[in-house]
């Protein structure tokens, strides 16, 4: 791939998805969170200096069509397992944000031979407290203002301004919300069985966490890291649930250092 900005279509096992690809060299498969990866985001260009960034939009997200019978987390996991198999080289780094961090953890549990490094950024996907204690803020049922405050260290600077967004961007945002609700509504944002299997992850793993995240708190992140053998846990100050957006230089520096170790 050239180092220019490229948004592509990719067909995997009969499912066509959109993909942001940037850079060249070592492949880094990036699984998006609640929203798809913005090809204009600063962290994309910064990370593309270290390798080839491959960031697909899951079926139903962004401009990727969703087959009628494609509606579970495990449909997404199996799709991304197939994506890994067609990437260049013997192995790739796998990086997941939030909801995509959950998917990345599931992929790493199932497939160790195609991954050499795993980076989970403020992932959801597990339950750490008792049944009555919520671990993950309910972004669908809390007020928009509360979700905004919980998501960002500096919401006034970084939270999306819907009044300034184009019709196309608003449509993508709405599609992403709808798809997320389809895949992750029940149980809400986690797999009850996943903690049992996280011990199968044998590749070096880094969990990066926004210090101000209140969607899933740093304590949740520390509990997550303890379930993965040898995992490292690091906080990024001045960031909420999206450290790659609020602190892109620090984020990419941490990721790059880990990939080069």
Protein backbone atom coordinates (compact mmCIF):
# COMPACT_ATOMS: atom_id res chain seq x y z
CA UNK A 1 0.00 0.00 0.00
CA UNK A 2 1.06 3.55 -0.62
CA UNK A 3 1.22 5.99 2.26
CA UNK A 4 -1.56 8.15 0.81
CA UNK A 5 -5.03 8.43 2.27
CA UNK A 6 -7.10 5.52 0.99
CA UNK A 7 -10.61 4.42 1.79
CA UNK A 8 -11.33 1.06 0.21
CA UNK A 9 -13.90 -1.68 -0.04
CA UNK A 10 -12.86 -5.15 1.05
CA UNK A 11 -14.82 -8.38 0.58
CA UNK A 12 -14.23 -10.99 3.27
CA UNK A 13 -16.03 -14.32 3.13
CA UNK A 14 -18.77 -12.75 1.02
CA UNK A 15 -19.22 -9.67 3.25
CA UNK A 16 -18.21 -6.31 1.78
CA UNK A 17 -16.92 -3.70 4.22
CA UNK A 18 -15.29 -0.30 4.00
CA UNK A 19 -11.70 -0.01 5.17
CA UNK A 20 -9.43 2.92 6.01
CA UNK A 21 -5.88 1.98 5.00
CA UNK A 22 -2.91 4.21 5.57
CA UNK A 23 0.87 3.77 5.57
CA UNK A 24 3.01 0.77 4.74
CA UNK A 25 5.00 -1.93 6.47
CA UNK A 26 3.98 -3.89 9.51
CA UNK A 27 0.17 -4.37 9.52
CA UNK A 28 -1.83 -2.98 12.44
CA UNK A 29 -5.47 -4.09 12.37
CA UNK A 30 -7.57 -1.45 14.15
CA UNK A 31 -11.06 -2.33 15.41
CA UNK A 32 -13.23 0.73 15.98
CA UNK A 33 -15.25 1.55 19.07
CA UNK A 34 -18.73 3.06 19.34
CA UNK A 35 -17.98 5.12 16.24
CA UNK A 36 -16.00 4.15 13.16
CA UNK A 37 -12.46 5.41 12.62
CA UNK A 38 -12.39 8.89 11.09
CA UNK A 39 -9.84 8.77 8.25
CA UNK A 40 -8.95 12.37 9.09
CA UNK A 41 -8.17 11.68 12.76
CA UNK A 42 -4.69 12.77 13.80
CA UNK A 43 -3.78 9.44 15.38
CA UNK A 44 -4.32 7.61 12.07
CA UNK A 45 -1.56 9.54 10.30
CA UNK A 46 0.74 9.32 13.32
CA UNK A 47 0.27 5.56 13.65
CA UNK A 48 0.69 5.08 9.89
CA UNK A 49 4.30 6.27 10.24
CA UNK A 50 4.95 3.04 12.19
CA UNK A 51 3.21 0.58 9.88
CA UNK A 52 0.17 -0.03 7.72
CA UNK A 53 -3.05 0.92 9.49
CA UNK A 54 -6.01 -1.21 8.42
CA UNK A 55 -9.25 -0.03 10.03
CA UNK A 56 -12.41 -1.77 8.79
CA UNK A 57 -15.94 -0.63 9.57
CA UNK A 58 -17.97 -3.57 10.84
CA UNK A 59 -21.12 -4.56 8.92
CA UNK A 60 -23.86 -2.04 9.74
CA UNK A 61 -21.30 0.57 10.83
CA UNK A 62 -20.15 3.46 8.68
CA UNK A 63 -20.84 2.67 5.04
CA UNK A 64 -20.52 -1.11 5.42
CA UNK A 65 -23.66 -3.02 4.57
CA UNK A 66 -24.91 -5.65 7.01
CA UNK A 67 -26.22 -8.98 5.74
CA UNK A 68 -29.66 -9.78 7.16
CA UNK A 69 -28.42 -12.76 9.18
CA UNK A 70 -25.32 -10.95 10.52
CA UNK A 71 -26.29 -9.65 13.96
CA UNK A 72 -24.12 -10.97 16.81
CA UNK A 73 -20.79 -10.13 18.36
CA UNK A 74 -19.53 -13.50 17.20
CA UNK A 75 -20.40 -12.69 13.60
CA UNK A 76 -18.06 -9.70 13.97
CA UNK A 77 -15.37 -11.76 15.71
CA UNK A 78 -15.38 -14.39 12.99
CA UNK A 79 -15.28 -11.73 10.29
CA UNK A 80 -12.21 -10.14 11.87
CA UNK A 81 -10.59 -13.56 12.21
CA UNK A 82 -11.00 -13.87 8.44
CA UNK A 83 -9.57 -10.36 7.94
CA UNK A 84 -6.47 -11.37 9.91
CA UNK A 85 -5.95 -14.36 7.64
CA UNK A 86 -5.76 -12.22 4.50
CA UNK A 87 -3.45 -9.51 5.84
CA UNK A 88 0.09 -9.44 4.45
CA UNK A 89 2.92 -11.00 6.44
CA UNK A 90 2.91 -13.79 8.96
CA UNK A 91 1.52 -11.79 11.88
CA UNK A 92 -0.15 -8.47 12.65
CA UNK A 93 -0.63 -6.24 15.63
CA UNK A 94 -4.25 -6.03 16.78
CA UNK A 95 -5.57 -2.82 18.32
CA UNK A 96 -9.13 -2.30 19.55
CA UNK A 97 -10.95 0.73 20.93
CA UNK A 98 -13.83 0.38 23.42
CA UNK A 99 -16.36 -1.95 21.74
CA UNK A 100 -13.61 -2.90 19.30
CA UNK A 101 -11.38 -3.68 22.29
CA UNK A 102 -13.93 -6.28 23.37
CA UNK A 103 -13.86 -7.74 19.86
CA UNK A 104 -10.05 -7.68 19.80
CA UNK A 105 -9.91 -9.58 23.09
CA UNK A 106 -12.31 -12.19 21.70
CA UNK A 107 -10.22 -12.49 18.53
CA UNK A 108 -7.02 -12.89 20.55
CA UNK A 109 -8.63 -15.62 22.66
CA UNK A 110 -9.54 -17.51 19.50
CA UNK A 111 -6.49 -16.87 17.34
CA UNK A 112 -2.94 -16.59 18.62
CA UNK A 113 -1.02 -17.60 15.50
CA UNK A 114 -1.75 -14.45 13.44
CA UNK A 115 -1.24 -11.86 16.20
CA UNK A 116 2.08 -10.78 17.69
CA UNK A 117 0.93 -7.83 19.84
CA UNK A 118 -2.46 -6.89 21.34
CA UNK A 119 -3.43 -3.35 22.37
CA UNK A 120 -6.77 -2.77 24.10
CA UNK A 121 -7.82 0.86 24.53
CA UNK A 122 -10.54 1.46 27.15
CA UNK A 123 -12.22 -1.83 26.16
CA UNK A 124 -15.61 -3.02 27.29
CA UNK A 125 -16.54 -6.70 27.19
CA UNK A 126 -16.40 -8.08 30.75
CA UNK A 127 -18.33 -7.83 34.02
CA UNK A 128 -16.19 -7.24 37.10
CA UNK A 129 -18.73 -6.23 39.78
CA UNK A 130 -21.79 -7.98 41.16
CA UNK A 131 -25.02 -8.23 39.23
CA UNK A 132 -26.51 -5.06 40.73
CA UNK A 133 -23.46 -2.84 40.17
CA UNK A 134 -23.10 -1.35 36.67
CA UNK A 135 -19.55 -1.48 35.33
CA UNK A 136 -20.23 0.19 31.99
CA UNK A 137 -22.18 3.44 31.63
CA UNK A 138 -25.39 2.83 29.68
CA UNK A 139 -24.86 5.21 26.79
CA UNK A 140 -28.33 4.48 25.40
CA UNK A 141 -30.33 5.25 28.54
CA UNK A 142 -28.29 7.98 30.23
CA UNK A 143 -28.89 11.59 29.25
CA UNK A 144 -26.77 12.81 26.32
CA UNK A 145 -25.15 15.40 28.61
CA UNK A 146 -24.08 12.72 31.10
CA UNK A 147 -22.67 10.52 28.34
CA UNK A 148 -20.81 13.53 26.96
CA UNK A 149 -19.28 14.35 30.35
CA UNK A 150 -18.35 10.72 30.99
CA UNK A 151 -16.73 10.24 27.59
CA UNK A 152 -14.31 13.16 27.46
CA UNK A 153 -11.72 14.82 29.67
CA UNK A 154 -12.44 18.08 27.83
CA UNK A 155 -15.89 17.71 26.23
CA UNK A 156 -16.04 21.37 25.23
CA UNK A 157 -13.08 20.83 22.95
CA UNK A 158 -13.49 17.25 21.75
CA UNK A 159 -17.12 16.10 21.98
CA UNK A 160 -18.85 16.03 18.57
CA UNK A 161 -20.78 19.15 17.63
CA UNK A 162 -23.85 17.79 15.89
CA UNK A 163 -24.86 21.23 14.64
CA UNK A 164 -21.60 21.49 12.73
CA UNK A 165 -21.67 17.96 11.26
CA UNK A 166 -22.61 17.34 7.65
CA UNK A 167 -25.68 15.31 6.77
CA UNK A 168 -23.38 12.48 5.69
CA UNK A 169 -21.52 12.51 9.01
CA UNK A 170 -24.78 12.58 10.96
CA UNK A 171 -26.04 9.59 8.98
CA UNK A 172 -22.87 7.63 9.75
CA UNK A 173 -23.13 8.57 13.44
CA UNK A 174 -26.74 7.35 13.56
CA UNK A 175 -25.90 4.11 11.70
CA UNK A 176 -23.06 3.45 14.14
CA UNK A 177 -25.39 3.89 17.13
CA UNK A 178 -27.99 1.61 15.58
CA UNK A 179 -25.43 -1.11 14.79
CA UNK A 180 -23.87 -0.88 18.25
CA UNK A 181 -27.29 -1.33 19.83
CA UNK A 182 -27.96 -4.37 17.64
CA UNK A 183 -24.72 -6.13 18.52
CA UNK A 184 -24.19 -5.10 22.14
CA UNK A 185 -27.57 -4.44 23.74
CA UNK A 186 -28.13 -7.67 25.65
CA UNK A 187 -26.23 -8.37 27.72
CA UNK A 188 -25.12 -4.76 27.65
CA UNK A 189 -21.56 -4.45 26.30
CA UNK A 190 -20.11 -7.65 27.74
CA UNK A 191 -19.82 -11.41 27.36
CA UNK A 192 -20.36 -13.27 30.66
CA UNK A 193 -18.03 -16.06 29.47
CA UNK A 194 -15.12 -13.90 28.33
CA UNK A 195 -13.30 -13.63 31.71
CA UNK A 196 -13.03 -17.43 31.77
CA UNK A 197 -11.10 -17.42 28.49
CA UNK A 198 -8.89 -14.31 28.72
CA UNK A 199 -6.16 -16.51 30.19
CA UNK A 200 -5.78 -18.07 26.74
CA UNK A 201 -4.23 -14.85 25.44
CA UNK A 202 -0.49 -15.54 25.21
CA UNK A 203 0.71 -12.60 23.10
CA UNK A 204 2.17 -9.47 24.75
CA UNK A 205 -0.78 -7.26 25.69
CA UNK A 206 -1.06 -3.58 26.58
CA UNK A 207 -4.17 -1.96 28.04
CA UNK A 208 -4.23 1.82 27.60
CA UNK A 209 -6.77 3.81 29.58
CA UNK A 210 -7.88 7.41 29.62
CA UNK A 211 -7.39 8.66 33.15
CA UNK A 212 -10.72 10.55 33.06
CA UNK A 213 -12.79 7.79 31.47
CA UNK A 214 -16.16 7.34 33.20
CA UNK A 215 -17.71 5.10 30.55
CA UNK A 216 -15.45 2.38 31.94
CA UNK A 217 -13.23 3.59 34.77
CA UNK A 218 -9.51 2.93 35.21
CA UNK A 219 -10.35 0.51 38.04
CA UNK A 220 -12.36 -1.53 35.54
CA UNK A 221 -9.30 -1.44 33.29
CA UNK A 222 -6.99 -2.66 36.04
CA UNK A 223 -9.35 -5.57 36.71
CA UNK A 224 -9.39 -6.35 32.99
CA UNK A 225 -5.59 -6.36 32.79
CA UNK A 226 -5.30 -8.78 35.70
CA UNK A 227 -7.27 -11.36 33.73
CA UNK A 228 -4.76 -11.41 30.85
CA UNK A 229 -1.44 -13.12 31.65
CA UNK A 230 1.43 -10.64 31.71
CA UNK A 231 -0.65 -7.72 30.48
CA UNK A 232 0.59 -4.17 31.03
CA UNK A 233 -1.77 -1.41 32.15
CA UNK A 234 -1.02 2.27 31.49
CA UNK A 235 -3.01 5.46 32.07
CA UNK A 236 -3.05 8.40 29.69
CA UNK A 237 -3.67 11.64 31.56
CA UNK A 238 -5.87 14.35 30.10
CA UNK A 239 -8.07 11.86 28.25
CA UNK A 240 -11.42 10.18 28.73
CA UNK A 241 -12.81 7.22 26.81
CA UNK A 242 -11.04 8.29 23.61
CA UNK A 243 -7.35 8.88 24.37
CA UNK A 244 -6.51 8.46 20.68
CA UNK A 245 -8.56 11.62 20.02
CA UNK A 246 -7.75 13.74 23.07
CA UNK A 247 -4.06 12.81 23.36
CA UNK A 248 -3.07 11.43 19.94
CA UNK A 249 0.68 12.05 20.24
CA UNK A 250 0.91 10.42 23.68
CA UNK A 251 -1.33 7.59 22.53
CA UNK A 252 0.75 6.79 19.45
CA UNK A 253 3.99 7.11 21.41
CA UNK A 254 2.76 4.50 23.92
CA UNK A 255 1.54 2.18 21.16
CA UNK A 256 4.74 2.56 19.14
CA UNK A 257 6.97 1.90 22.12
CA UNK A 258 5.02 -1.26 22.90
CA UNK A 259 5.15 -2.48 19.30
CA UNK A 260 8.91 -1.96 19.19
CA UNK A 261 9.66 -3.76 22.45
